Amino acid sequence: MNGDTLLFAVFCIEGVAERLDMDGTEVYKLLTGKGDILDTYILEYYDTLHTQGREYIVDELVDLMKKEDLIQ
């Protein structure tokens, strides 16, 4: 992971945390646990995702977390 992808991962985690009114640490644990969304989605598709707007990215991540039964 380089500096750009690290910053993007933090951006995603904090965006989701804000949307869900959760602590960033809690969101990080959810994204790195079951399904490992951090590696298999956020970092894997960094090249495409980082060109999108904040709202789109957060919506996508929240939807994916719901599909993975990480949140309700």
C-alpha atoms as a PDB file:
ATOM      1  CA  MET A   1       0.000   0.000   0.000  1.00  0.00           C
ATOM      2  CA  ASN A   2       1.450   3.343  -0.985  1.00  0.00           C
ATOM      3  CA  GLY A   3       0.689   6.788   0.426  1.00  0.00           C
ATOM      4  CA  ASP A   4      -2.141   7.514  -2.011  1.00  0.00           C
ATOM      5  CA  THR A   5      -3.989   4.275  -1.347  1.00  0.00           C
ATOM      6  CA  LEU A   6      -3.477   4.651   2.400  1.00  0.00           C
ATOM      7  CA  LEU A   7      -4.989   8.135   2.341  1.00  0.00           C
ATOM      8  CA  PHE A   8      -7.864   6.860   0.229  1.00  0.00           C
ATOM      9  CA  ALA A   9      -8.529   3.991   2.637  1.00  0.00           C
ATOM     10  CA  VAL A  10      -8.654   6.447   5.548  1.00  0.00           C
ATOM     11  CA  PHE A  11     -10.948   8.726   3.508  1.00  0.00           C
ATOM     12  CA  CYS A  12     -13.311   5.769   2.919  1.00  0.00           C
ATOM     13  CA  ILE A  13     -13.268   4.607   6.520  1.00  0.00           C
ATOM     14  CA  GLU A  14     -13.939   8.077   7.890  1.00  0.00           C
ATOM     15  CA  GLY A  15     -16.667   8.730   5.308  1.00  0.00           C
ATOM     16  CA  VAL A  16     -18.486   5.545   6.247  1.00  0.00           C
ATOM     17  CA  ALA A  17     -17.970   6.224   9.955  1.00  0.00           C
ATOM     18  CA  GLU A  18     -19.527   9.651   9.598  1.00  0.00           C
ATOM     19  CA  ARG A  19     -22.476   8.312   7.576  1.00  0.00           C
ATOM     20  CA  LEU A  20     -23.170   5.535  10.076  1.00  0.00           C
ATOM     21  CA  ASP A  21     -22.410   7.679  13.136  1.00  0.00           C
ATOM     22  CA  MET A  22     -19.753   5.203  14.225  1.00  0.00           C
ATOM     23  CA  ASP A  23     -16.166   5.438  15.358  1.00  0.00           C
ATOM     24  CA  GLY A  24     -13.558   5.029  12.605  1.00  0.00           C
ATOM     25  CA  THR A  25     -11.949   2.159  14.501  1.00  0.00           C
ATOM     26  CA  GLU A  26     -15.257   0.253  14.515  1.00  0.00           C
ATOM     27  CA  VAL A  27     -15.683   0.775  10.772  1.00  0.00           C
ATOM     28  CA  TYR A  28     -12.093  -0.322  10.145  1.00  0.00           C
ATOM     29  CA  LYS A  29     -12.750  -3.557  12.042  1.00  0.00           C
ATOM     30  CA  LEU A  30     -15.907  -4.186  10.005  1.00  0.00           C
ATOM     31  CA  LEU A  31     -14.124  -3.508   6.720  1.00  0.00           C
ATOM     32  CA  THR A  32     -11.197  -5.785   7.553  1.00  0.00           C
ATOM     33  CA  GLY A  33     -13.194  -8.620   9.093  1.00  0.00           C
ATOM     34  CA  LYS A  34     -15.611 -10.919   7.286  1.00  0.00           C
ATOM     35  CA  GLY A  35     -15.260 -10.395   3.541  1.00  0.00           C
ATOM     36  CA  ASP A  36     -12.287  -8.047   3.978  1.00  0.00           C
ATOM     37  CA  ILE A  37     -13.887  -5.187   2.029  1.00  0.00           C
ATOM     38  CA  LEU A  38     -10.822  -3.023   2.596  1.00  0.00           C
ATOM     39  CA  ASP A  39      -8.549  -5.285   0.552  1.00  0.00           C
ATOM     40  CA  THR A  40     -11.014  -6.929  -1.824  1.00  0.00           C
ATOM     41  CA  TYR A  41     -12.933  -3.798  -2.785  1.00  0.00           C
ATOM     42  CA  ILE A  42     -11.466  -0.481  -1.615  1.00  0.00           C
ATOM     43  CA  LEU A  43      -7.831  -1.226  -2.431  1.00  0.00           C
ATOM     44  CA  GLU A  44      -8.545  -3.636  -5.285  1.00  0.00           C
ATOM     45  CA  TYR A  45     -10.624  -1.052  -7.146  1.00  0.00           C
ATOM     46  CA  TYR A  46      -8.743   2.042  -6.001  1.00  0.00           C
ATOM     47  CA  ASP A  47      -8.000   3.147  -9.574  1.00  0.00           C
ATOM     48  CA  THR A  48     -11.703   3.425 -10.359  1.00  0.00           C
ATOM     49  CA  LEU A  49     -13.103   4.358  -6.965  1.00  0.00           C
ATOM     50  CA  HIS A  50     -10.805   7.279  -6.255  1.00  0.00           C
ATOM     51  CA  THR A  51     -12.141   9.083  -9.346  1.00  0.00           C
ATOM     52  CA  GLN A  52     -15.669   9.121  -7.886  1.00  0.00           C
ATOM     53  CA  GLY A  53     -17.227  11.598  -5.485  1.00  0.00           C
ATOM     54  CA  ARG A  54     -17.396  11.116  -1.744  1.00  0.00           C
ATOM     55  CA  GLU A  55     -21.154  10.486  -1.674  1.00  0.00           C
ATOM     56  CA  TYR A  56     -20.951   7.808  -4.363  1.00  0.00           C
ATOM     57  CA  ILE A  57     -18.062   6.035  -2.637  1.00  0.00           C
ATOM     58  CA  VAL A  58     -19.725   6.058   0.775  1.00  0.00           C
ATOM     59  CA  ASP A  59     -23.046   4.878  -0.725  1.00  0.00           C
ATOM     60  CA  GLU A  60     -21.271   1.991  -2.452  1.00  0.00           C
ATOM     61  CA  LEU A  61     -19.432   0.954   0.685  1.00  0.00           C
ATOM     62  CA  VAL A  62     -22.522   1.137   2.892  1.00  0.00           C
ATOM     63  CA  ASP A  63     -24.497  -0.917   0.346  1.00  0.00           C
ATOM     64  CA  LEU A  64     -21.716  -3.498   0.198  1.00  0.00           C
ATOM     65  CA  MET A  65     -21.540  -3.659   3.996  1.00  0.00           C
ATOM     66  CA  LYS A  66     -25.294  -4.313   4.076  1.00  0.00           C
ATOM     67  CA  LYS A  67     -24.991  -7.064   1.463  1.00  0.00           C
ATOM     68  CA  GLU A  68     -22.226  -8.677   3.520  1.00  0.00           C
ATOM     69  CA  ASP A  69     -24.461  -8.448   6.637  1.00  0.00           C
ATOM     70  CA  LEU A  70     -21.923  -6.266   8.422  1.00  0.00           C
ATOM     71  CA  ILE A  71     -24.540  -3.631   9.158  1.00  0.00           C
ATOM     72  CA  GLN A  72     -28.316  -3.363   8.957  1.00  0.00           C
END
